[in-house]
Amino acid sequence: MIKYYSFNVVKKEGVLNKQKVSKNHKFLHESVNKEIVYYEDQNKNKKYISYFGKVYFEILEHENRPDKFDFLACYILKENKDISDEDISLKLRNSKTLKIKNSNCYDNSDIKVVFSQNGFALIENFGDQSIKFEKIYISFLLAHSYNIYSEALMIEVSKSYSNNNHKRMLELRKEIYIFDLNCFFFNPINYKNQQQHTIWSYLRGLYSVEENHKEMKSQIKDLVNLIEIDIKDKEEQERLKEIEKKEKLYKDRKEEREKEKIKEDKRYRDLEIDREIKNKRSSQRNSILTFIGLLIAALSIGSVYADLVELGALSNIFEENK
């Protein structure tokens, strides 16, 4: 008998309203284990699992190999433990192209696990290995969650940089550091669980978990360095603008003072000219008034003289003087 399980990445909105389920898995480091949440659906063949509150999977059980899926797992019971490599390839890839070798196959007395690009097959050698199958698909999805989350972060950081959203990029850097401290391990499996610890080494290598994570951190670091350069450039530009602004303000004030001085000088000259004009006019007026006064005096004397002549007063005066 062969059971098929498809794992599809889904949006969290379709999962958060599902019933949470408590699972007492202790094969993962505690800080990682608490970041994994399990959900049940009314459909018993459907489950959900989330990692770090960032990546959500829908888990469906199928009687036959599904046509569409993001990831696939085959649980091959012990009745079919002698399945050929070609048949395993057909189950996983729907083709005979998968070459099974030491690098992609964990082979032990109890189970055999074959990994492909986007799936794995577990073959029971004896007994019920369903618990180990569940642990392996949890680890399998964890490896892909690391990669999916790393890729999503790289896209968001790149987008934030393109939009000049430096604040968001720095927030993402902080989020990555927190994620590294709490969730990311080169081997997140408790070393006491030797078999799962060993299987993780396959997952880590086949799906380039470490390389993808290092690339993501390197890209984040490079982009954050660019941010710091941009910020320094901006600060320098602002500093130069401030200097230019102050120089312009000083120049404008100097020009304003010079213009004010020119106006003041002109106003002083105008006052001097006006004063000179007024003085000149006053002098002319005084001269005219003096002339008029003299003229009036002369006329007055002439009038008096005429009156005296007419009255004969002058002849009497002259006669008395004789």
Protein backbone atom coordinates (compact mmCIF):
# COMPACT_ATOMS: atom_id res chain seq x y z
CA MET A 1 0.00 0.00 0.00
CA ILE A 2 1.22 3.50 -0.86
CA LYS A 3 -0.09 6.75 0.62
CA TYR A 4 0.44 10.11 -1.05
CA TYR A 5 0.60 13.46 0.69
CA SER A 6 0.65 16.79 -1.08
CA PHE A 7 1.97 19.93 0.59
CA ASN A 8 0.82 23.24 -0.85
CA VAL A 9 1.81 26.72 0.23
CA VAL A 10 -1.33 28.67 1.20
CA LYS A 11 -2.19 32.09 2.60
CA LYS A 12 -2.49 32.40 6.34
CA GLU A 13 -6.02 33.86 6.09
CA GLY A 14 -7.31 30.43 5.11
CA VAL A 15 -5.59 28.73 8.06
CA LEU A 16 -5.95 30.93 11.13
CA ASN A 17 -9.61 30.04 11.59
CA LYS A 18 -8.80 26.32 11.79
CA GLN A 19 -8.60 24.32 14.99
CA LYS A 20 -5.12 24.28 16.51
CA VAL A 21 -3.71 20.92 17.55
CA SER A 22 -1.07 20.31 20.22
CA LYS A 23 1.74 17.93 19.23
CA ASN A 24 4.42 16.92 21.67
CA HIS A 25 7.32 16.60 19.23
CA LYS A 26 10.62 16.87 21.04
CA PHE A 27 12.99 16.05 18.19
CA LEU A 28 13.32 19.75 17.28
CA HIS A 29 15.09 22.44 19.28
CA GLU A 30 12.56 24.04 21.62
CA SER A 31 12.88 27.53 20.09
CA VAL A 32 12.09 26.06 16.66
CA ASN A 33 9.38 23.72 17.90
CA LYS A 34 7.38 26.56 19.46
CA GLU A 35 7.36 28.37 16.11
CA ILE A 36 5.54 25.47 14.43
CA VAL A 37 1.75 25.34 14.74
CA TYR A 38 -0.50 22.45 13.69
CA TYR A 39 -4.12 22.76 12.58
CA GLU A 40 -6.94 20.33 11.85
CA ASP A 41 -9.79 20.63 9.34
CA GLN A 42 -13.28 19.17 9.31
CA ASN A 43 -12.04 17.10 6.41
CA LYS A 44 -9.95 14.43 8.14
CA ASN A 45 -7.76 14.07 5.05
CA LYS A 46 -6.75 17.73 5.29
CA LYS A 47 -4.35 19.31 7.77
CA TYR A 48 -2.37 22.52 8.04
CA ILE A 49 0.99 23.48 9.45
CA SER A 50 2.64 26.87 9.84
CA TYR A 51 6.27 27.85 10.39
CA PHE A 52 7.33 31.05 12.21
CA GLY A 53 3.90 32.56 11.49
CA LYS A 54 5.26 33.25 7.99
CA VAL A 55 4.87 30.11 5.89
CA TYR A 56 1.67 28.03 5.80
CA PHE A 57 1.12 24.61 4.22
CA GLU A 58 -2.01 22.68 3.43
CA ILE A 59 -1.48 18.91 3.84
CA LEU A 60 -3.74 16.60 1.84
CA GLU A 61 -3.79 12.81 1.89
CA HIS A 62 -4.48 11.06 -1.46
CA GLU A 63 -5.13 7.51 -2.51
CA ASN A 64 -3.42 8.12 -5.83
CA ARG A 65 -0.62 10.39 -6.95
CA PRO A 66 -2.01 13.94 -7.26
CA ASP A 67 -1.49 15.93 -10.45
CA LYS A 68 -0.82 19.29 -8.81
CA PHE A 69 1.20 20.06 -5.71
CA ASP A 70 4.04 22.21 -4.44
CA PHE A 71 5.70 19.33 -2.61
CA LEU A 72 4.96 15.61 -2.46
CA ALA A 73 5.59 12.77 0.00
CA CYS A 74 5.03 9.02 -0.51
CA TYR A 75 4.58 6.71 2.42
CA ILE A 76 5.33 3.20 1.17
CA LEU A 77 4.30 0.54 3.64
CA LYS A 78 6.40 -2.54 4.35
CA GLU A 79 4.29 -4.70 2.03
CA ASN A 80 5.93 -2.78 -0.82
CA LYS A 81 9.41 -2.44 0.70
CA ASP A 82 10.99 -4.17 -2.29
CA ILE A 83 9.84 -1.39 -4.63
CA SER A 84 12.40 -0.67 -7.35
CA ASP A 85 14.30 2.59 -7.78
CA GLU A 86 12.45 3.20 -11.05
CA ASP A 87 9.10 2.85 -9.34
CA ILE A 88 10.19 5.22 -6.56
CA SER A 89 11.20 7.72 -9.26
CA LEU A 90 7.81 7.30 -10.92
CA LYS A 91 6.04 7.94 -7.61
CA LEU A 92 8.03 11.10 -6.93
CA ARG A 93 8.66 12.50 -10.40
CA ASN A 94 6.21 10.67 -12.60
CA SER A 95 9.27 9.69 -14.60
CA LYS A 96 12.26 7.35 -14.32
CA THR A 97 14.81 10.18 -14.26
CA LEU A 98 15.60 10.20 -10.54
CA LYS A 99 18.95 8.59 -9.83
CA ILE A 100 18.98 7.19 -6.32
CA LYS A 101 22.40 7.38 -4.67
CA ASN A 102 24.00 7.96 -1.29
CA SER A 103 23.63 11.75 -1.52
CA ASN A 104 19.82 11.60 -1.78
CA CYS A 105 19.02 8.34 0.00
CA TYR A 106 19.05 7.54 3.70
CA ASP A 107 18.97 3.75 4.05
CA ASN A 108 18.63 2.15 7.47
CA SER A 109 17.33 -1.11 8.87
CA ASP A 110 13.96 0.40 9.82
CA ILE A 111 13.34 2.93 7.04
CA LYS A 112 14.64 4.03 3.69
CA VAL A 113 14.11 7.65 2.67
CA VAL A 114 14.64 8.91 -0.88
CA PHE A 115 14.62 12.63 -1.61
CA SER A 116 13.87 14.33 -4.91
CA GLN A 117 13.80 17.98 -5.93
CA ASN A 118 10.37 18.66 -4.43
CA GLY A 119 9.46 15.54 -2.50
CA PHE A 120 10.51 12.43 -0.67
CA ALA A 121 9.48 8.80 -0.28
CA LEU A 122 9.69 6.82 2.95
CA ILE A 123 9.76 3.03 2.68
CA GLU A 124 9.02 0.94 5.76
CA ASN A 125 11.37 -1.98 6.24
CA PHE A 126 9.43 -3.26 9.25
CA GLY A 127 6.83 -2.14 11.78
CA ASP A 128 4.70 1.01 11.73
CA GLN A 129 6.89 4.00 10.89
CA SER A 130 4.11 6.59 10.60
CA ILE A 131 5.50 8.69 13.47
CA LYS A 132 8.89 8.84 11.79
CA PHE A 133 7.17 9.72 8.51
CA GLU A 134 5.43 12.64 10.21
CA LYS A 135 8.70 13.84 11.79
CA ILE A 136 10.44 13.66 8.43
CA TYR A 137 7.77 15.65 6.60
CA ILE A 138 7.85 18.24 9.40
CA SER A 139 11.62 18.52 8.91
CA PHE A 140 11.21 18.46 5.12
CA LEU A 141 8.73 21.34 5.23
CA LEU A 142 10.94 23.17 7.73
CA ALA A 143 13.84 23.08 5.25
CA HIS A 144 11.61 24.47 2.52
CA SER A 145 10.15 27.04 4.92
CA TYR A 146 13.66 28.31 5.59
CA ASN A 147 14.16 28.71 1.84
CA ILE A 148 10.72 30.22 1.19
CA TYR A 149 11.15 32.70 4.03
CA SER A 150 14.68 33.62 2.91
CA GLU A 151 13.48 34.23 -0.64
CA ALA A 152 10.52 36.31 0.56
CA LEU A 153 12.83 38.44 2.71
CA MET A 154 15.24 39.02 -0.16
CA ILE A 155 12.36 40.12 -2.40
CA GLU A 156 10.94 42.45 0.25
CA VAL A 157 14.34 43.97 1.05
CA SER A 158 15.08 44.51 -2.63
CA LYS A 159 11.63 46.06 -3.11
CA SER A 160 12.12 48.31 -0.08
CA TYR A 161 15.46 49.47 -1.45
CA SER A 162 13.95 50.17 -4.88
CA ASN A 163 11.24 52.23 -3.17
CA ASN A 164 13.82 54.04 -1.00
CA ASN A 165 12.02 52.71 2.04
CA HIS A 166 15.10 52.68 4.25
CA LYS A 167 13.10 52.44 7.44
CA ARG A 168 11.46 49.19 6.29
CA MET A 169 14.82 47.75 5.28
CA LEU A 170 16.28 48.40 8.71
CA GLU A 171 13.16 46.81 10.25
CA LEU A 172 13.72 43.76 8.06
CA ARG A 173 17.35 43.54 9.14
CA LYS A 174 16.20 43.50 12.77
CA GLU A 175 13.58 40.88 11.93
CA ILE A 176 16.26 38.69 10.32
CA TYR A 177 18.54 38.95 13.35
CA ILE A 178 15.67 37.96 15.65
CA PHE A 179 14.75 35.11 13.31
CA ASP A 180 18.33 33.86 13.32
CA LEU A 181 18.49 33.88 17.11
CA ASN A 182 15.17 32.14 17.64
CA CYS A 183 14.54 29.90 14.66
CA PHE A 184 17.45 29.28 12.35
CA PHE A 185 19.88 26.46 13.08
CA PHE A 186 22.24 24.69 10.73
CA ASN A 187 20.73 21.60 12.30
CA PRO A 188 17.48 22.35 14.18
CA ILE A 189 17.12 18.71 15.27
CA ASN A 190 17.92 17.77 18.84
CA TYR A 191 21.20 15.83 18.73
CA LYS A 192 19.67 13.17 21.02
CA ASN A 193 17.40 12.12 18.15
CA GLN A 194 20.25 10.71 16.08
CA GLN A 195 18.25 9.40 13.14
CA GLN A 196 16.34 12.65 12.54
CA HIS A 197 19.54 14.60 13.15
CA THR A 198 21.23 12.59 10.38
CA ILE A 199 18.26 12.96 8.01
CA TRP A 200 18.43 16.71 8.41
CA SER A 201 21.94 16.67 6.96
CA TYR A 202 20.38 15.32 3.74
CA LEU A 203 17.72 18.01 3.74
CA ARG A 204 20.25 20.76 4.46
CA GLY A 205 22.52 19.68 1.61
CA LEU A 206 19.95 18.72 -1.03
CA TYR A 207 17.89 21.89 -0.63
CA SER A 208 20.84 24.27 -0.03
CA VAL A 209 19.34 25.56 3.19
CA GLU A 210 22.56 27.04 4.55
CA GLU A 211 23.63 28.49 1.19
CA ASN A 212 20.27 30.17 0.65
CA HIS A 213 20.26 31.56 4.16
CA LYS A 214 23.81 32.89 3.83
CA GLU A 215 22.95 34.42 0.46
CA MET A 216 19.93 36.10 1.97
CA LYS A 217 21.96 37.51 4.87
CA SER A 218 24.70 38.62 2.50
CA GLN A 219 22.20 40.40 0.28
CA ILE A 220 20.60 42.02 3.32
CA LYS A 221 24.01 43.13 4.55
CA ASP A 222 24.98 44.53 1.13
CA LEU A 223 21.69 46.39 0.77
CA VAL A 224 21.87 47.75 4.30
CA ASN A 225 25.41 48.94 3.54
CA LEU A 226 23.98 50.69 0.50
CA ILE A 227 21.37 52.26 2.76
CA GLU A 228 24.08 53.53 5.08
CA ILE A 229 25.97 54.93 2.08
CA ASP A 230 22.77 56.54 0.81
CA ILE A 231 22.07 57.98 4.26
CA LYS A 232 25.62 59.34 4.52
CA ASP A 233 25.34 60.79 1.01
CA LYS A 234 22.02 62.32 1.90
CA GLU A 235 23.42 63.74 5.14
CA GLU A 236 26.39 65.15 3.22
CA GLN A 237 24.06 66.66 0.64
CA GLU A 238 21.95 68.12 3.41
CA ARG A 239 25.09 69.48 5.07
CA LEU A 240 26.26 71.06 1.82
CA LYS A 241 22.78 72.44 1.21
CA GLU A 242 22.78 73.92 4.72
CA ILE A 243 26.19 75.50 4.10
CA GLU A 244 25.00 76.80 0.75
CA LYS A 245 21.84 78.12 2.40
CA LYS A 246 23.85 79.90 5.09
CA GLU A 247 26.25 81.33 2.50
CA LYS A 248 23.34 82.53 0.41
CA LEU A 249 21.67 84.01 3.48
CA TYR A 250 24.93 85.78 4.40
CA LYS A 251 25.33 87.02 0.82
CA ASP A 252 21.71 88.17 0.67
CA ARG A 253 22.04 89.98 3.98
CA LYS A 254 25.28 91.59 2.84
CA GLU A 255 23.68 92.68 -0.42
CA GLU A 256 20.67 93.92 1.54
CA ARG A 257 22.92 95.93 3.86
CA GLU A 258 24.79 97.35 0.88
CA LYS A 259 21.52 98.27 -0.81
CA GLU A 260 20.30 99.81 2.43
CA LYS A 261 23.54 101.79 2.70
CA ILE A 262 23.16 102.98 -0.89
CA LYS A 263 19.58 104.01 -0.14
CA GLU A 264 20.71 105.73 3.07
CA ASP A 265 23.48 107.57 1.21
CA LYS A 266 21.05 108.59 -1.49
CA ARG A 267 18.55 109.70 1.13
CA TYR A 268 21.29 111.73 2.84
CA ARG A 269 22.35 113.29 -0.47
CA ASP A 270 18.75 114.05 -1.32
CA LEU A 271 18.34 115.72 2.07
CA GLU A 272 21.50 117.77 1.50
CA ILE A 273 20.33 118.79 -1.95
CA ASP A 274 16.91 119.61 -0.58
CA ARG A 275 18.50 121.62 2.22
CA GLU A 276 20.68 123.48 -0.29
CA ILE A 277 17.65 124.19 -2.44
CA LYS A 278 15.71 125.40 0.57
CA ASN A 279 18.62 127.56 1.71
CA LYS A 280 19.00 128.96 -1.78
CA ARG A 281 15.30 129.67 -1.99
CA SER A 282 15.39 131.22 1.47
CA SER A 283 18.34 133.40 0.48
CA GLN A 284 16.60 134.47 -2.69
CA ARG A 285 13.44 135.22 -0.75
CA ASN A 286 15.40 137.25 1.78
CA SER A 287 17.13 139.15 -0.99
CA ILE A 288 13.82 139.86 -2.63
CA LEU A 289 12.28 140.90 0.66
CA THR A 290 15.30 143.13 1.39
CA PHE A 291 15.05 144.66 -2.04
CA ILE A 292 11.33 145.20 -1.58
CA GLY A 293 11.98 146.67 1.84
CA LEU A 294 14.58 149.05 0.43
CA LEU A 295 12.31 149.88 -2.45
CA ILE A 296 9.44 150.57 -0.10
CA ALA A 297 11.77 152.66 2.07
CA ALA A 298 13.00 154.59 -0.95
CA LEU A 299 9.48 155.15 -2.15
CA SER A 300 8.45 156.21 1.31
CA ILE A 301 11.29 158.71 1.50
CA GLY A 302 10.45 159.97 -1.96
CA SER A 303 6.79 160.37 -0.99
CA VAL A 304 7.72 162.25 2.18
CA TYR A 305 10.07 164.47 0.28
CA ALA A 306 7.41 165.26 -2.26
CA ASP A 307 4.97 166.05 0.48
CA LEU A 308 7.45 168.33 2.15
CA VAL A 309 8.19 170.13 -1.12
CA GLU A 310 4.52 170.49 -1.77
CA LEU A 311 3.95 172.00 1.65
CA GLY A 312 6.98 174.25 1.39
CA ALA A 313 8.40 172.70 4.43
CA LEU A 314 11.79 172.24 2.94
CA SER A 315 12.18 175.91 2.02
CA ASN A 316 11.29 176.91 5.57
CA ILE A 317 13.79 174.45 6.91
CA PHE A 318 16.51 175.79 4.65
CA GLU A 319 15.62 179.37 5.54
CA GLU A 320 15.78 178.65 9.26
CA ASN A 321 19.17 177.10 8.80
CA LYS A 322 20.36 180.32 7.23
